[in-house]
């Protein structure tokens, strides 16, 4: 079930959106205060956000900026303002769509479906980007980022991390990792794997442990464990 976060301070509007979205089978989380939006976003991990621009405590633009610092979750902006420049500003800030009030709830639901479909297509086309919470690994540009900050790795360590990213939550022995990353003609010690793992862990130590880790399973091997909140 897809989860939608509705950040809207007008309770009547929020309740109407909730009713229509739930009728379509969505799980809906509601927030009425701008200051609570980002913490609840991080806690609930929604599939899409309906975000009002004018909110008590913190404006929608600031919330969008915080979300975009380390997450590409689709965001549809809701506002009473109908200015073209305002719309352009919203798209430049990372909004996926923009709906002006007053609106018809059925239209909002249709836009939600459309943005989710578009987002799924983009993810399918860009599956070289592996996103694990705030950790992003691009296996084409060889770019590793945590919360938008680039992480520097040696070519070998980067190749190992990319291999893990392509196979999350799978266990690999040292021998398997040597074959896949170092190559079958490698004739050095399997300690090379242990040392590479140690360096990678140090490089990504800013990756929150609640999101994942490179785990050692004694007698079995190594695993990129990715944790998802239910």
Protein backbone atom coordinates (compact mmCIF):
# COMPACT_ATOMS: atom_id res chain seq x y z
CA UNK A 1 0.00 0.00 0.00
CA UNK A 2 1.41 3.37 -1.04
CA UNK A 3 1.75 5.94 1.73
CA UNK A 4 0.89 9.62 1.21
CA UNK A 5 1.96 12.36 3.62
CA UNK A 6 -0.49 15.28 3.57
CA UNK A 7 1.04 18.46 5.02
CA UNK A 8 -1.88 20.90 5.18
CA UNK A 9 -2.85 23.21 8.05
CA UNK A 10 -6.50 23.61 6.98
CA UNK A 11 -8.07 20.64 8.71
CA UNK A 12 -11.16 20.55 6.47
CA UNK A 13 -9.03 20.35 3.31
CA UNK A 14 -6.75 17.76 4.86
CA UNK A 15 -9.68 15.57 5.86
CA UNK A 16 -11.21 15.73 2.36
CA UNK A 17 -7.89 14.74 0.79
CA UNK A 18 -7.52 11.91 3.30
CA UNK A 19 -10.99 10.57 2.51
CA UNK A 20 -10.46 10.63 -1.26
CA UNK A 21 -6.97 9.13 -1.09
CA UNK A 22 -8.03 6.35 1.27
CA UNK A 23 -10.90 5.55 -1.09
CA UNK A 24 -8.22 4.92 -3.73
CA UNK A 25 -6.38 2.54 -1.42
CA UNK A 26 -3.65 4.87 -0.13
CA UNK A 27 -2.41 4.96 3.44
CA UNK A 28 -2.58 8.61 4.56
CA UNK A 29 -0.54 10.39 7.23
CA UNK A 30 -1.59 13.95 8.16
CA UNK A 31 0.50 16.83 9.44
CA UNK A 32 -0.92 20.28 10.26
CA UNK A 33 2.24 22.11 11.42
CA UNK A 34 5.23 22.95 9.24
CA UNK A 35 7.69 22.32 12.06
CA UNK A 36 6.56 18.71 12.36
CA UNK A 37 6.61 17.93 8.64
CA UNK A 38 10.23 16.86 8.16
CA UNK A 39 10.48 14.75 11.36
CA UNK A 40 7.27 12.91 10.45
CA UNK A 41 8.46 12.55 6.84
CA UNK A 42 11.66 10.90 8.06
CA UNK A 43 9.73 8.69 10.47
CA UNK A 44 7.00 7.50 8.10
CA UNK A 45 8.97 7.38 4.80
CA UNK A 46 6.02 8.16 2.50
CA UNK A 47 5.87 7.37 -1.22
CA UNK A 48 4.62 10.89 -2.01
CA UNK A 49 4.04 14.19 -0.20
CA UNK A 50 1.20 16.66 -0.72
CA UNK A 51 2.74 19.83 0.66
CA UNK A 52 0.96 23.14 1.30
CA UNK A 53 3.09 26.25 0.77
CA UNK A 54 1.69 28.45 3.54
CA UNK A 55 2.04 26.62 6.84
CA UNK A 56 2.42 27.65 10.49
CA UNK A 57 5.93 27.27 11.84
CA UNK A 58 7.74 26.66 8.55
CA UNK A 59 6.89 27.36 4.91
CA UNK A 60 6.42 24.58 2.38
CA UNK A 61 9.41 25.80 0.33
CA UNK A 62 11.73 25.32 3.31
CA UNK A 63 10.26 21.87 3.97
CA UNK A 64 10.76 20.92 0.32
CA UNK A 65 14.37 22.09 0.47
CA UNK A 66 15.03 19.92 3.54
CA UNK A 67 13.43 16.89 1.94
CA UNK A 68 15.48 17.35 -1.22
CA UNK A 69 18.74 17.44 0.72
CA UNK A 70 18.82 13.64 0.83
CA UNK A 71 15.60 12.28 -0.64
CA UNK A 72 13.92 12.30 -4.06
CA UNK A 73 10.45 11.34 -2.80
CA UNK A 74 7.83 12.89 -5.15
CA UNK A 75 6.35 16.14 -3.80
CA UNK A 76 3.23 17.91 -5.06
CA UNK A 77 2.88 21.51 -3.86
CA UNK A 78 -0.52 22.89 -2.83
CA UNK A 79 -1.08 26.66 -2.74
CA UNK A 80 -3.70 29.35 -3.09
CA UNK A 81 -1.27 31.40 -5.18
CA UNK A 82 -1.67 31.04 -8.94
CA UNK A 83 1.30 32.98 -10.25
CA UNK A 84 3.38 31.54 -13.11
CA UNK A 85 6.67 32.68 -11.56
CA UNK A 86 5.65 30.98 -8.34
CA UNK A 87 5.08 27.74 -10.23
CA UNK A 88 8.49 27.99 -11.90
CA UNK A 89 10.09 28.63 -8.55
CA UNK A 90 8.42 25.49 -7.22
CA UNK A 91 9.70 23.29 -10.02
CA UNK A 92 13.22 24.72 -9.71
CA UNK A 93 13.13 23.88 -6.00
CA UNK A 94 12.42 20.24 -6.80
CA UNK A 95 8.62 20.00 -6.78
CA UNK A 96 7.20 17.28 -9.03
CA UNK A 97 3.84 18.98 -9.57
CA UNK A 98 1.91 22.06 -8.47
CA UNK A 99 -1.83 22.36 -7.73
CA UNK A 100 -3.56 25.67 -7.04
CA UNK A 101 -6.41 26.09 -4.58
CA UNK A 102 -9.32 25.79 -4.81
CA UNK A 103 -9.04 22.37 -6.37
CA UNK A 104 -11.24 19.36 -6.96
CA UNK A 105 -10.19 16.43 -4.77
CA UNK A 106 -10.57 13.98 -7.67
CA UNK A 107 -8.05 16.03 -9.63
CA UNK A 108 -5.56 15.85 -6.78
CA UNK A 109 -5.97 12.06 -6.63
CA UNK A 110 -5.44 11.85 -10.41
CA UNK A 111 -2.27 13.96 -10.11
CA UNK A 112 -1.03 11.70 -7.30
CA UNK A 113 -1.48 8.62 -9.49
CA UNK A 114 0.25 10.35 -12.42
CA UNK A 115 3.26 11.50 -10.40
CA UNK A 116 3.66 8.07 -8.79
CA UNK A 117 3.56 6.40 -12.22
CA UNK A 118 6.10 8.88 -13.58
CA UNK A 119 8.32 8.39 -10.55
CA UNK A 120 8.21 4.60 -10.92
CA UNK A 121 9.18 4.90 -14.58
CA UNK A 122 12.11 7.17 -13.77
CA UNK A 123 13.31 4.82 -11.06
CA UNK A 124 13.09 1.95 -13.53
CA UNK A 125 15.09 3.88 -16.12
CA UNK A 126 17.65 5.03 -13.60
CA UNK A 127 18.13 1.84 -11.65
CA UNK A 128 21.88 2.47 -11.73
CA UNK A 129 21.19 4.70 -8.72
CA UNK A 130 20.88 2.67 -5.55
CA UNK A 131 19.26 4.63 -2.71
CA UNK A 132 19.41 3.32 0.84
CA UNK A 133 17.99 6.07 3.02
CA UNK A 134 20.51 8.91 2.91
CA UNK A 135 23.14 6.75 1.17
CA UNK A 136 23.13 7.06 -2.63
CA UNK A 137 25.35 4.92 -4.88
CA UNK A 138 25.46 5.59 -8.63
CA UNK A 139 27.09 2.68 -10.45
CA UNK A 140 27.43 4.60 -13.73
CA UNK A 141 28.96 7.87 -12.55
CA UNK A 142 30.67 6.06 -9.63
CA UNK A 143 29.36 8.69 -7.24
CA UNK A 144 28.70 7.84 -3.60
CA UNK A 145 26.90 10.38 -1.44
CA UNK A 146 25.55 10.52 2.09
CA UNK A 147 23.01 13.28 2.70
CA UNK A 148 24.23 14.91 -0.51
CA UNK A 149 27.90 14.93 0.49
CA UNK A 150 30.31 13.03 -1.77
CA UNK A 151 32.22 10.12 -0.25
CA UNK A 152 35.69 9.40 -1.63
CA UNK A 153 36.75 5.77 -2.07
CA UNK A 154 39.58 3.98 -3.86
CA UNK A 155 38.57 2.35 -7.15
CA UNK A 156 38.68 -1.15 -5.63
CA UNK A 157 36.70 -0.17 -2.55
CA UNK A 158 34.19 1.63 -4.75
CA UNK A 159 33.78 -1.48 -6.91
CA UNK A 160 33.13 -3.56 -3.81
CA UNK A 161 30.56 -1.12 -2.45
CA UNK A 162 28.79 -1.00 -5.84
CA UNK A 163 28.67 -4.80 -5.89
CA UNK A 164 27.03 -4.78 -2.45
CA UNK A 165 24.60 -2.07 -3.59
CA UNK A 166 23.46 -4.28 -6.47
CA UNK A 167 22.85 -7.16 -4.05
CA UNK A 168 21.50 -5.68 -0.80
CA UNK A 169 20.75 -8.04 2.08
CA UNK A 170 22.61 -10.91 0.38
CA UNK A 171 25.48 -12.72 2.09
CA UNK A 172 28.79 -13.25 0.27
CA UNK A 173 31.86 -15.18 1.36
CA UNK A 174 35.33 -13.72 0.96
CA UNK A 175 35.93 -16.09 -1.95
CA UNK A 176 32.79 -14.92 -3.74
CA UNK A 177 33.72 -11.28 -3.28
CA UNK A 178 37.25 -11.92 -4.53
CA UNK A 179 35.87 -13.61 -7.65
CA UNK A 180 33.28 -10.91 -8.34
CA UNK A 181 35.31 -7.79 -7.52
CA UNK A 182 39.02 -8.68 -7.63
CA UNK A 183 38.66 -11.20 -10.45
CA UNK A 184 39.19 -14.94 -10.66
CA UNK A 185 42.87 -14.49 -11.53
CA UNK A 186 43.58 -12.74 -8.21
CA UNK A 187 46.15 -14.76 -6.26
CA UNK A 188 46.57 -12.61 -3.15
CA UNK A 189 45.28 -13.08 0.38
CA UNK A 190 41.56 -13.04 1.15
CA UNK A 191 42.47 -10.54 3.88
CA UNK A 192 42.18 -7.94 1.12
CA UNK A 193 38.41 -8.24 1.48
CA UNK A 194 38.55 -7.62 5.23
CA UNK A 195 40.74 -4.55 4.78
CA UNK A 196 38.50 -3.14 2.03
CA UNK A 197 35.42 -3.64 4.22
CA UNK A 198 37.16 -1.83 7.07
CA UNK A 199 38.01 1.14 4.82
CA UNK A 200 34.49 1.33 3.40
CA UNK A 201 32.93 1.28 6.86
CA UNK A 202 35.18 4.16 7.89
CA UNK A 203 34.34 6.12 4.74
CA UNK A 204 30.57 5.76 5.21
CA UNK A 205 30.51 6.11 8.99
CA UNK A 206 28.15 9.10 8.66
CA UNK A 207 25.49 6.77 7.20
CA UNK A 208 22.94 6.43 10.03
CA UNK A 209 23.05 2.95 11.57
CA UNK A 210 19.26 2.89 11.61
CA UNK A 211 19.30 2.84 7.78
CA UNK A 212 21.84 0.09 7.26
CA UNK A 213 25.36 -1.23 7.66
CA UNK A 214 27.92 -3.59 6.20
CA UNK A 215 27.50 -6.54 8.50
CA UNK A 216 29.93 -9.35 9.31
CA UNK A 217 28.21 -12.72 9.73
CA UNK A 218 30.70 -15.02 11.41
CA UNK A 219 31.32 -18.20 9.48
CA UNK A 220 29.26 -16.91 6.54
CA UNK A 221 30.67 -13.70 5.15
CA UNK A 222 29.62 -10.10 4.59
CA UNK A 223 26.31 -8.45 3.83
CA UNK A 224 25.06 -4.95 3.01
CA UNK A 225 22.14 -4.92 5.43
CA UNK A 226 19.49 -2.34 4.60
CA UNK A 227 16.90 -1.56 7.23
CA UNK A 228 13.44 -0.30 6.28
CA UNK A 229 10.92 1.06 8.75
CA UNK A 230 7.47 -0.44 8.46
